[in-house]
Amino acid sequence: MREGAYDYVTKPFHMEDIRIKIERMLKEKKIAGSLKTMTGLSWALIISIPIWLILGVILSILWK
């Protein structure tokens, strides 16, 4: 587990247990990917809003 394993399987194992563990892992990976995407979009918005405000001020001065 310390070296990056997601989960472990004890012997004797049942295929149903393995299926459940794989589905759980895939769901968590998907959630983590979605969170990473949303974090990136949030930062893009945070950075772009001041730029658009400055551009709006500059354009309003130029159009007068």
Protein backbone atom coordinates (compact mmCIF):
# COMPACT_ATOMS: atom_id res chain seq x y z
CA MET A 1 0.00 0.00 0.00
CA ARG A 2 2.90 2.38 0.70
CA GLU A 3 4.21 1.99 -2.84
CA GLY A 4 1.00 3.12 -4.52
CA ALA A 5 -1.30 0.11 -4.41
CA TYR A 6 -4.95 1.08 -4.42
CA ASP A 7 -6.27 -1.96 -2.58
CA TYR A 8 -5.35 -5.57 -1.88
CA VAL A 9 -6.94 -8.98 -2.34
CA THR A 10 -6.78 -11.70 0.29
CA LYS A 11 -6.63 -15.37 -0.59
CA PRO A 12 -8.81 -17.22 -1.25
CA PHE A 13 -10.55 -14.56 -3.29
CA HIS A 14 -13.88 -14.41 -5.05
CA MET A 15 -14.35 -12.83 -8.47
CA GLU A 16 -17.24 -10.75 -7.14
CA ASP A 17 -14.91 -9.11 -4.59
CA ILE A 18 -12.41 -8.30 -7.32
CA ARG A 19 -15.15 -6.84 -9.54
CA ILE A 20 -16.38 -4.62 -6.69
CA LYS A 21 -12.84 -3.41 -5.93
CA ILE A 22 -12.19 -2.59 -9.59
CA GLU A 23 -15.48 -0.71 -9.95
CA ARG A 24 -14.75 1.26 -6.77
CA MET A 25 -11.26 2.15 -8.01
CA LEU A 26 -12.54 3.27 -11.42
CA LYS A 27 -15.23 5.43 -9.80
CA GLU A 28 -12.68 7.13 -7.53
CA LYS A 29 -10.28 7.71 -10.45
CA LYS A 30 -13.12 9.28 -12.44
CA ILE A 31 -14.05 11.53 -9.50
CA ALA A 32 -10.41 12.55 -9.06
CA GLY A 33 -10.14 13.38 -12.77
CA SER A 34 -13.32 15.45 -12.63
CA LEU A 35 -12.04 17.32 -9.60
CA LYS A 36 -8.77 18.07 -11.37
CA THR A 37 -10.66 19.38 -14.41
CA MET A 38 -12.92 21.57 -12.27
CA THR A 39 -9.91 22.94 -10.39
CA GLY A 40 -8.26 23.87 -13.69
CA LEU A 41 -11.42 25.58 -14.93
CA SER A 42 -11.76 27.48 -11.66
CA TRP A 43 -8.21 28.79 -11.91
CA ALA A 44 -8.79 29.76 -15.54
CA LEU A 45 -11.82 31.80 -14.51
CA ILE A 46 -10.04 33.40 -11.57
CA ILE A 47 -7.17 34.47 -13.80
CA SER A 48 -9.23 35.56 -16.80
CA ILE A 49 -11.82 37.75 -15.03
CA PRO A 50 -9.34 40.54 -14.09
CA ILE A 51 -7.89 40.44 -17.61
CA TRP A 52 -11.34 40.93 -19.15
CA LEU A 53 -12.09 43.76 -16.71
CA ILE A 54 -8.86 45.56 -17.64
CA LEU A 55 -9.56 45.02 -21.33
CA GLY A 56 -13.06 46.44 -20.86
CA VAL A 57 -11.69 49.54 -19.16
CA ILE A 58 -9.11 50.05 -21.92
CA LEU A 59 -11.72 49.63 -24.65
CA SER A 60 -14.12 52.02 -22.93
CA ILE A 61 -11.38 54.67 -22.79
CA LEU A 62 -10.44 54.16 -26.43
CA TRP A 63 -14.05 54.34 -27.66
CA LYS A 64 -14.67 57.76 -26.07
